[in-house]
Amino acid sequence: MDRRTVLILTLLAAGISSISLALLWPESDEERITTMLHELADAIGFSEPIENPVFYGSALANRLEDYLTEQVKVDVHDVQARVPKDRGQMAMAAAVALARYGSLDVTLSDVEVQMQDDGAKASARARVIANQGGEMRSETRRVQFVISKEGGDFKVSSVQAEGPE
């Protein structure tokens, strides 16, 4: 083989190795948590009015099971009511509160994760867009998360949302 063929084969092998390594390299814990938080934001949103809050609350509780611990502390700056800590009861309360909206979209940005021995803390900017009575409302809030590790999976154990920016 001439030098040119050897060089091309070497570059080709290096390229294939690099692509394989990138595809097979496991996600870091920070990346897993960031992905989980984005999925949680998607799970909260809905595109059609909630016609039956009990049914929706039950479905929401099932969706949140992958993202929230069984007992989760939720603190929203301008919500005066006590939010239940039990994930299922919290989902039912959320369904009743969200029934006044025709749709809700939650997106996270500027997610920062700090790993700790027993889990992590994360902060993000949450943008919420809601259809309330045909009028679109939008607000952005800073949100703090406490994340626990349960059986190898990360789950949110506490959420604190500040007032609108």
N, C-alpha and C. Protein backbone atom coordinates (compact mmCIF):
# COMPACT_ATOMS: atom_id res chain seq x y z
N MET A 1 0.84 -1.19 0.00
CA MET A 1 0.00 0.00 0.00
C MET A 1 0.87 1.24 0.00
N ASP A 2 0.42 2.23 -0.72
CA ASP A 2 1.18 3.47 -0.72
C ASP A 2 0.78 4.34 0.48
N ARG A 3 1.53 5.37 0.72
CA ARG A 3 1.31 6.24 1.88
C ARG A 3 -0.07 6.89 1.86
N ARG A 4 -0.51 7.29 0.71
CA ARG A 4 -1.80 7.96 0.59
C ARG A 4 -2.94 7.03 1.05
N THR A 5 -2.91 5.79 0.65
CA THR A 5 -3.94 4.83 1.04
C THR A 5 -3.90 4.58 2.54
N VAL A 6 -2.70 4.43 3.09
CA VAL A 6 -2.55 4.21 4.54
C VAL A 6 -3.08 5.42 5.30
N LEU A 7 -2.78 6.62 4.84
CA LEU A 7 -3.25 7.84 5.50
C LEU A 7 -4.77 7.94 5.45
N ILE A 8 -5.37 7.66 4.31
CA ILE A 8 -6.82 7.70 4.17
C ILE A 8 -7.47 6.67 5.08
N LEU A 9 -6.94 5.46 5.12
CA LEU A 9 -7.51 4.42 5.98
C LEU A 9 -7.37 4.78 7.46
N THR A 10 -6.23 5.38 7.82
CA THR A 10 -6.02 5.81 9.21
C THR A 10 -7.02 6.89 9.59
N LEU A 11 -7.22 7.90 8.74
CA LEU A 11 -8.18 8.96 9.01
C LEU A 11 -9.62 8.42 9.07
N LEU A 12 -9.92 7.49 8.19
CA LEU A 12 -11.24 6.88 8.19
C LEU A 12 -11.48 6.10 9.48
N ALA A 13 -10.51 5.34 9.92
CA ALA A 13 -10.62 4.58 11.17
C ALA A 13 -10.76 5.52 12.36
N ALA A 14 -9.98 6.60 12.38
CA ALA A 14 -10.07 7.57 13.48
C ALA A 14 -11.44 8.24 13.50
N GLY A 15 -11.97 8.56 12.33
CA GLY A 15 -13.30 9.17 12.25
C GLY A 15 -14.39 8.24 12.75
N ILE A 16 -14.33 6.99 12.32
CA ILE A 16 -15.32 6.01 12.76
C ILE A 16 -15.20 5.79 14.26
N SER A 17 -14.00 5.74 14.79
CA SER A 17 -13.80 5.56 16.24
C SER A 17 -14.36 6.76 17.01
N SER A 18 -14.13 7.96 16.51
CA SER A 18 -14.63 9.16 17.19
C SER A 18 -16.15 9.19 17.21
N ILE A 19 -16.77 8.86 16.10
CA ILE A 19 -18.24 8.86 16.02
C ILE A 19 -18.80 7.77 16.94
N SER A 20 -18.21 6.60 16.94
CA SER A 20 -18.67 5.51 17.80
C SER A 20 -18.55 5.90 19.27
N LEU A 21 -17.44 6.50 19.62
CA LEU A 21 -17.23 6.91 21.01
C LEU A 21 -18.26 7.96 21.43
N ALA A 22 -18.54 8.91 20.56
CA ALA A 22 -19.51 9.96 20.87
C ALA A 22 -20.92 9.38 21.03
N LEU A 23 -21.28 8.40 20.22
CA LEU A 23 -22.61 7.82 20.29
C LEU A 23 -22.77 6.87 21.48
N LEU A 24 -21.72 6.21 21.86
CA LEU A 24 -21.80 5.21 22.92
C LEU A 24 -21.39 5.73 24.29
N TRP A 25 -20.81 6.93 24.36
CA TRP A 25 -20.35 7.48 25.63
C TRP A 25 -21.56 7.78 26.52
N PRO A 26 -21.56 7.32 27.74
CA PRO A 26 -22.72 7.55 28.61
C PRO A 26 -22.87 9.03 28.98
N GLU A 27 -24.14 9.42 29.20
CA GLU A 27 -24.42 10.78 29.64
C GLU A 27 -23.86 11.01 31.03
N SER A 28 -23.43 12.21 31.31
CA SER A 28 -23.00 12.55 32.66
C SER A 28 -24.25 12.74 33.52
N ASP A 29 -24.08 12.72 34.84
CA ASP A 29 -25.21 12.95 35.74
C ASP A 29 -25.84 14.32 35.49
N GLU A 30 -25.02 15.32 35.24
CA GLU A 30 -25.54 16.66 34.96
C GLU A 30 -26.41 16.65 33.71
N GLU A 31 -25.99 15.95 32.68
CA GLU A 31 -26.77 15.86 31.45
C GLU A 31 -28.07 15.10 31.69
N ARG A 32 -28.02 14.02 32.47
CA ARG A 32 -29.22 13.25 32.78
C ARG A 32 -30.23 14.12 33.54
N ILE A 33 -29.75 14.91 34.50
CA ILE A 33 -30.63 15.77 35.28
C ILE A 33 -31.23 16.86 34.40
N THR A 34 -30.42 17.48 33.57
CA THR A 34 -30.92 18.51 32.66
C THR A 34 -32.01 17.95 31.74
N THR A 35 -31.77 16.77 31.19
CA THR A 35 -32.77 16.12 30.33
C THR A 35 -34.05 15.84 31.12
N MET A 36 -33.89 15.33 32.35
CA MET A 36 -35.05 15.02 33.19
C MET A 36 -35.86 16.28 33.48
N LEU A 37 -35.20 17.40 33.77
CA LEU A 37 -35.92 18.64 34.07
C LEU A 37 -36.69 19.15 32.84
N HIS A 38 -36.09 19.03 31.67
CA HIS A 38 -36.80 19.43 30.44
C HIS A 38 -38.01 18.52 30.20
N GLU A 39 -37.85 17.23 30.45
CA GLU A 39 -38.98 16.30 30.30
C GLU A 39 -40.08 16.61 31.31
N LEU A 40 -39.69 16.98 32.53
CA LEU A 40 -40.67 17.36 33.55
C LEU A 40 -41.47 18.58 33.10
N ALA A 41 -40.80 19.58 32.55
CA ALA A 41 -41.49 20.78 32.05
C ALA A 41 -42.48 20.40 30.95
N ASP A 42 -42.08 19.49 30.06
CA ASP A 42 -42.99 19.02 29.00
C ASP A 42 -44.19 18.28 29.58
N ALA A 43 -43.96 17.49 30.63
CA ALA A 43 -45.03 16.69 31.24
C ALA A 43 -46.10 17.56 31.89
N ILE A 44 -45.72 18.74 32.34
CA ILE A 44 -46.67 19.63 33.01
C ILE A 44 -47.60 20.32 32.02
N GLY A 45 -47.12 20.58 30.82
CA GLY A 45 -47.90 21.32 29.84
C GLY A 45 -49.05 20.52 29.24
N PHE A 46 -49.99 21.25 28.64
CA PHE A 46 -51.11 20.62 27.94
C PHE A 46 -51.58 21.57 26.84
N SER A 47 -52.20 20.99 25.80
CA SER A 47 -52.56 21.80 24.63
C SER A 47 -54.06 22.01 24.47
N GLU A 48 -54.89 21.33 25.25
CA GLU A 48 -56.33 21.46 25.17
C GLU A 48 -56.90 21.73 26.56
N PRO A 49 -58.05 22.40 26.63
CA PRO A 49 -58.64 22.67 27.96
C PRO A 49 -58.87 21.38 28.75
N ILE A 50 -58.73 21.48 30.06
CA ILE A 50 -58.96 20.34 30.95
C ILE A 50 -60.46 20.26 31.21
N GLU A 51 -61.09 19.22 30.70
CA GLU A 51 -62.54 19.09 30.86
C GLU A 51 -62.91 18.39 32.15
N ASN A 52 -62.08 17.46 32.59
CA ASN A 52 -62.36 16.71 33.82
C ASN A 52 -61.11 16.77 34.70
N PRO A 53 -61.06 17.67 35.67
CA PRO A 53 -59.86 17.81 36.51
C PRO A 53 -59.48 16.53 37.26
N VAL A 54 -60.45 15.71 37.65
CA VAL A 54 -60.13 14.48 38.37
C VAL A 54 -59.37 13.51 37.44
N PHE A 55 -59.89 13.35 36.23
CA PHE A 55 -59.24 12.47 35.26
C PHE A 55 -57.86 13.02 34.90
N TYR A 56 -57.80 14.34 34.64
CA TYR A 56 -56.52 14.95 34.28
C TYR A 56 -55.53 14.84 35.44
N GLY A 57 -55.98 15.07 36.67
CA GLY A 57 -55.10 14.97 37.84
C GLY A 57 -54.51 13.59 37.99
N SER A 58 -55.32 12.56 37.74
CA SER A 58 -54.83 11.18 37.82
C SER A 58 -53.78 10.92 36.73
N ALA A 59 -54.06 11.39 35.52
CA ALA A 59 -53.10 11.22 34.42
C ALA A 59 -51.82 12.00 34.71
N LEU A 60 -51.95 13.20 35.26
CA LEU A 60 -50.78 14.01 35.59
C LEU A 60 -49.93 13.32 36.66
N ALA A 61 -50.58 12.75 37.68
CA ALA A 61 -49.85 12.03 38.73
C ALA A 61 -49.03 10.89 38.12
N ASN A 62 -49.61 10.18 37.17
CA ASN A 62 -48.88 9.10 36.51
C ASN A 62 -47.69 9.62 35.72
N ARG A 63 -47.88 10.73 35.00
CA ARG A 63 -46.78 11.31 34.22
C ARG A 63 -45.65 11.80 35.13
N LEU A 64 -46.01 12.36 36.29
CA LEU A 64 -45.00 12.93 37.18
C LEU A 64 -44.23 11.89 37.98
N GLU A 65 -44.72 10.66 37.99
CA GLU A 65 -44.08 9.59 38.77
C GLU A 65 -42.62 9.40 38.38
N ASP A 66 -42.29 9.57 37.11
CA ASP A 66 -40.90 9.39 36.66
C ASP A 66 -39.99 10.55 37.05
N TYR A 67 -40.57 11.68 37.46
CA TYR A 67 -39.78 12.89 37.67
C TYR A 67 -39.78 13.41 39.11
N LEU A 68 -40.79 13.07 39.89
CA LEU A 68 -40.91 13.59 41.25
C LEU A 68 -40.86 12.46 42.27
N THR A 69 -40.28 12.74 43.43
CA THR A 69 -40.32 11.78 44.52
C THR A 69 -41.77 11.67 45.02
N GLU A 70 -42.06 10.62 45.79
CA GLU A 70 -43.42 10.43 46.31
C GLU A 70 -43.86 11.62 47.16
N GLN A 71 -42.95 12.13 47.99
CA GLN A 71 -43.21 13.33 48.79
C GLN A 71 -42.36 14.45 48.19
N VAL A 72 -43.01 15.47 47.67
CA VAL A 72 -42.31 16.56 47.01
C VAL A 72 -42.80 17.88 47.57
N LYS A 73 -41.86 18.75 47.87
CA LYS A 73 -42.21 20.07 48.40
C LYS A 73 -42.26 21.05 47.22
N VAL A 74 -43.41 21.71 47.07
CA VAL A 74 -43.59 22.69 46.00
C VAL A 74 -43.94 24.02 46.63
N ASP A 75 -43.15 25.04 46.30
CA ASP A 75 -43.37 26.38 46.83
C ASP A 75 -43.33 27.37 45.67
N VAL A 76 -44.50 27.96 45.39
CA VAL A 76 -44.60 28.95 44.32
C VAL A 76 -44.86 30.30 44.98
N HIS A 77 -44.03 31.27 44.68
CA HIS A 77 -44.01 32.57 45.35
C HIS A 77 -45.39 33.17 45.59
N ASP A 78 -46.24 33.22 44.56
CA ASP A 78 -47.51 33.92 44.70
C ASP A 78 -48.71 33.00 44.89
N VAL A 79 -48.48 31.74 45.26
CA VAL A 79 -49.58 30.83 45.58
C VAL A 79 -49.71 30.78 47.09
N GLN A 80 -50.84 31.26 47.59
CA GLN A 80 -51.06 31.33 49.02
C GLN A 80 -51.54 30.01 49.62
N ALA A 81 -52.19 29.18 48.81
CA ALA A 81 -52.73 27.91 49.31
C ALA A 81 -51.60 26.93 49.63
N ARG A 82 -51.86 26.04 50.57
CA ARG A 82 -50.90 25.00 50.91
C ARG A 82 -50.91 23.94 49.81
N VAL A 83 -49.75 23.68 49.26
CA VAL A 83 -49.64 22.67 48.20
C VAL A 83 -49.33 21.33 48.86
N PRO A 84 -50.16 20.30 48.59
CA PRO A 84 -49.91 19.00 49.22
C PRO A 84 -48.54 18.45 48.85
N LYS A 85 -47.90 17.75 49.79
CA LYS A 85 -46.58 17.16 49.52
C LYS A 85 -46.68 15.82 48.81
N ASP A 86 -47.78 15.10 49.00
CA ASP A 86 -47.96 13.83 48.32
C ASP A 86 -48.11 14.08 46.82
N ARG A 87 -47.31 13.37 46.01
CA ARG A 87 -47.27 13.61 44.57
C ARG A 87 -48.66 13.48 43.95
N GLY A 88 -49.43 12.47 44.31
CA GLY A 88 -50.76 12.27 43.74
C GLY A 88 -51.72 13.38 44.12
N GLN A 89 -51.73 13.77 45.40
CA GLN A 89 -52.60 14.85 45.85
C GLN A 89 -52.19 16.18 45.24
N MET A 90 -50.89 16.39 45.09
CA MET A 90 -50.39 17.61 44.47
C MET A 90 -50.83 17.68 43.01
N ALA A 91 -50.80 16.55 42.30
CA ALA A 91 -51.24 16.53 40.90
C ALA A 91 -52.73 16.86 40.80
N MET A 92 -53.53 16.34 41.72
CA MET A 92 -54.97 16.65 41.72
C MET A 92 -55.20 18.14 41.98
N ALA A 93 -54.49 18.71 42.96
CA ALA A 93 -54.63 20.14 43.25
C ALA A 93 -54.19 20.97 42.04
N ALA A 94 -53.12 20.55 41.38
CA ALA A 94 -52.65 21.27 40.19
C ALA A 94 -53.69 21.20 39.08
N ALA A 95 -54.32 20.05 38.90
CA ALA A 95 -55.33 19.90 37.85
C ALA A 95 -56.50 20.85 38.07
N VAL A 96 -56.93 20.98 39.31
CA VAL A 96 -58.04 21.89 39.62
C VAL A 96 -57.62 23.34 39.33
N ALA A 97 -56.40 23.71 39.73
CA ALA A 97 -55.91 25.07 39.50
C ALA A 97 -55.70 25.34 38.01
N LEU A 98 -55.23 24.35 37.27
CA LEU A 98 -54.92 24.55 35.85
C LEU A 98 -56.16 24.48 34.96
N ALA A 99 -57.29 24.03 35.49
CA ALA A 99 -58.50 23.87 34.68
C ALA A 99 -58.99 25.20 34.10
N ARG A 100 -58.57 26.31 34.65
CA ARG A 100 -59.01 27.61 34.12
C ARG A 100 -58.25 28.01 32.86
N TYR A 101 -57.21 27.25 32.50
CA TYR A 101 -56.42 27.57 31.31
C TYR A 101 -56.81 26.66 30.15
N GLY A 102 -56.76 27.22 28.95
CA GLY A 102 -57.04 26.44 27.75
C GLY A 102 -55.84 25.65 27.28
N SER A 103 -54.66 26.13 27.60
CA SER A 103 -53.41 25.44 27.27
C SER A 103 -52.31 26.00 28.16
N LEU A 104 -51.25 25.22 28.27
CA LEU A 104 -50.12 25.64 29.09
C LEU A 104 -48.86 25.05 28.50
N ASP A 105 -47.85 25.90 28.33
CA ASP A 105 -46.56 25.44 27.81
C ASP A 105 -45.48 25.92 28.76
N VAL A 106 -44.64 25.01 29.22
CA VAL A 106 -43.56 25.35 30.13
C VAL A 106 -42.24 24.95 29.46
N THR A 107 -41.32 25.90 29.37
CA THR A 107 -39.99 25.60 28.83
C THR A 107 -38.94 26.11 29.80
N LEU A 108 -37.85 25.37 29.90
CA LEU A 108 -36.75 25.76 30.78
C LEU A 108 -35.56 26.22 29.96
N SER A 109 -34.84 27.18 30.50
CA SER A 109 -33.59 27.64 29.88
C SER A 109 -32.60 27.94 31.00
N ASP A 110 -31.37 28.17 30.64
CA ASP A 110 -30.31 28.51 31.59
C ASP A 110 -30.25 27.52 32.75
N VAL A 111 -30.38 26.23 32.44
CA VAL A 111 -30.34 25.20 33.49
C VAL A 111 -28.90 25.03 33.98
N GLU A 112 -28.74 25.14 35.30
CA GLU A 112 -27.43 24.95 35.93
C GLU A 112 -27.58 23.87 36.99
N VAL A 113 -26.72 22.87 36.95
CA VAL A 113 -26.78 21.74 37.88
C VAL A 113 -25.51 21.70 38.70
N GLN A 114 -25.66 21.58 40.03
CA GLN A 114 -24.52 21.40 40.93
C GLN A 114 -24.70 20.06 41.64
N MET A 115 -23.81 19.13 41.34
CA MET A 115 -23.90 17.80 41.93
C MET A 115 -23.50 17.87 43.41
N GLN A 116 -24.17 17.03 44.21
CA GLN A 116 -23.87 16.89 45.63
C GLN A 116 -23.78 15.40 45.95
N ASP A 117 -23.35 15.07 47.16
CA ASP A 117 -23.18 13.66 47.52
C ASP A 117 -24.47 12.85 47.38
N ASP A 118 -25.59 13.41 47.81
CA ASP A 118 -26.85 12.67 47.83
C ASP A 118 -27.80 13.06 46.70
N GLY A 119 -27.33 13.77 45.70
CA GLY A 119 -28.18 14.19 44.59
C GLY A 119 -27.62 15.43 43.94
N ALA A 120 -28.47 16.45 43.82
CA ALA A 120 -28.03 17.68 43.16
C ALA A 120 -28.98 18.82 43.49
N LYS A 121 -28.52 20.00 43.19
CA LYS A 121 -29.36 21.19 43.20
C LYS A 121 -29.27 21.76 41.79
N ALA A 122 -30.38 22.31 41.34
CA ALA A 122 -30.40 22.89 40.00
C ALA A 122 -31.21 24.17 40.02
N SER A 123 -30.87 25.06 39.12
CA SER A 123 -31.66 26.27 38.94
C SER A 123 -31.90 26.44 37.45
N ALA A 124 -33.00 27.10 37.14
CA ALA A 124 -33.35 27.32 35.73
C ALA A 124 -34.26 28.53 35.64
N ARG A 125 -34.44 28.98 34.45
CA ARG A 125 -35.40 30.03 34.15
C ARG A 125 -36.56 29.30 33.45
N ALA A 126 -37.77 29.43 34.01
CA ALA A 126 -38.95 28.77 33.44
C ALA A 126 -39.81 29.82 32.76
N ARG A 127 -40.15 29.57 31.52
CA ARG A 127 -41.07 30.44 30.79
C ARG A 127 -42.38 29.70 30.65
N VAL A 128 -43.44 30.33 31.10
CA VAL A 128 -44.77 29.73 31.06
C VAL A 128 -45.64 30.57 30.13
N ILE A 129 -46.26 29.90 29.18
CA ILE A 129 -47.20 30.56 28.28
C ILE A 129 -48.53 29.84 28.45
N ALA A 130 -49.57 30.60 28.80
CA ALA A 130 -50.88 30.02 29.06
C ALA A 130 -51.96 30.76 28.29
N ASN A 131 -52.97 30.01 27.89
CA ASN A 131 -54.15 30.57 27.26
C ASN A 131 -55.22 30.65 28.33
N GLN A 132 -55.54 31.87 28.73
CA GLN A 132 -56.56 32.06 29.76
C GLN A 132 -57.71 32.86 29.16
N GLY A 133 -58.82 32.17 28.92
CA GLY A 133 -59.99 32.83 28.35
C GLY A 133 -59.73 33.40 26.97
N GLY A 134 -58.94 32.74 26.17
CA GLY A 134 -58.62 33.20 24.82
C GLY A 134 -57.49 34.21 24.77
N GLU A 135 -56.98 34.64 25.90
CA GLU A 135 -55.89 35.60 25.95
C GLU A 135 -54.60 34.89 26.34
N MET A 136 -53.56 35.08 25.55
CA MET A 136 -52.28 34.44 25.84
C MET A 136 -51.53 35.26 26.89
N ARG A 137 -51.07 34.57 27.93
CA ARG A 137 -50.28 35.21 28.99
C ARG A 137 -48.93 34.52 29.03
N SER A 138 -47.91 35.29 29.30
CA SER A 138 -46.56 34.75 29.37
C SER A 138 -45.82 35.37 30.54
N GLU A 139 -45.07 34.53 31.26
CA GLU A 139 -44.22 35.05 32.32
C GLU A 139 -43.00 34.15 32.47
N THR A 140 -41.96 34.73 33.05
CA THR A 140 -40.72 34.00 33.28
C THR A 140 -40.39 34.08 34.75
N ARG A 141 -39.94 32.96 35.32
CA ARG A 141 -39.58 32.88 36.74
C ARG A 141 -38.28 32.10 36.88
N ARG A 142 -37.55 32.41 37.93
CA ARG A 142 -36.41 31.58 38.33
C ARG A 142 -36.97 30.44 39.17
N VAL A 143 -36.45 29.25 38.94
CA VAL A 143 -36.92 28.07 39.67
C VAL A 143 -35.71 27.32 40.22
N GLN A 144 -35.81 26.91 41.48
CA GLN A 144 -34.76 26.14 42.16
C GLN A 144 -35.29 24.71 42.37
N PHE A 145 -34.46 23.74 42.11
CA PHE A 145 -34.82 22.33 42.28
C PHE A 145 -33.84 21.66 43.23
N VAL A 146 -34.36 20.77 44.07
CA VAL A 146 -33.53 19.85 44.84
C VAL A 146 -33.81 18.48 44.25
N ILE A 147 -32.76 17.77 43.89
CA ILE A 147 -32.89 16.49 43.20
C ILE A 147 -32.26 15.40 44.04
N SER A 148 -33.02 14.33 44.24
CA SER A 148 -32.55 13.18 45.00
C SER A 148 -32.27 12.03 44.05
N LYS A 149 -31.41 11.13 44.49
CA LYS A 149 -31.14 9.94 43.69
C LYS A 149 -31.86 8.76 44.34
N GLU A 150 -32.76 8.14 43.57
CA GLU A 150 -33.54 7.01 44.07
C GLU A 150 -33.30 5.81 43.16
N GLY A 151 -32.62 4.80 43.68
CA GLY A 151 -32.39 3.59 42.90
C GLY A 151 -31.71 3.84 41.58
N GLY A 152 -30.78 4.75 41.54
CA GLY A 152 -30.06 5.05 40.30
C GLY A 152 -30.71 6.12 39.44
N ASP A 153 -31.94 6.50 39.75
CA ASP A 153 -32.64 7.53 38.99
C ASP A 153 -32.67 8.83 39.78
N PHE A 154 -32.62 9.93 39.07
CA PHE A 154 -32.74 11.24 39.71
C PHE A 154 -34.19 11.68 39.67
N LYS A 155 -34.68 12.20 40.82
CA LYS A 155 -36.04 12.71 40.90
C LYS A 155 -36.04 13.99 41.71
N VAL A 156 -36.94 14.88 41.37
CA VAL A 156 -37.08 16.16 42.04
C VAL A 156 -37.80 15.95 43.37
N SER A 157 -37.20 16.45 44.47
CA SER A 157 -37.83 16.34 45.78
C SER A 157 -38.33 17.70 46.29
N SER A 158 -37.90 18.78 45.64
CA SER A 158 -38.32 20.11 46.05
C SER A 158 -38.24 21.07 44.86
N VAL A 159 -39.27 21.91 44.73
CA VAL A 159 -39.31 22.94 43.69
C VAL A 159 -39.69 24.24 44.34
N GLN A 160 -38.93 25.27 44.07
CA GLN A 160 -39.24 26.60 44.59
C GLN A 160 -39.22 27.57 43.41
N ALA A 161 -40.39 28.16 43.12
CA ALA A 161 -40.50 29.12 42.02
C ALA A 161 -40.61 30.52 42.60
N GLU A 162 -39.74 31.40 42.13
CA GLU A 162 -39.75 32.79 42.58
C GLU A 162 -40.88 33.54 41.87
N GLY A 163 -41.07 34.78 42.24
CA GLY A 163 -42.08 35.61 41.57
C GLY A 163 -41.71 35.88 40.13
N PRO A 164 -42.68 36.33 39.33
CA PRO A 164 -42.41 36.64 37.93
C PRO A 164 -41.31 37.69 37.79
N GLU A 165 -40.52 37.54 36.75
CA GLU A 165 -39.45 38.52 36.48
C GLU A 165 -40.03 39.74 35.81
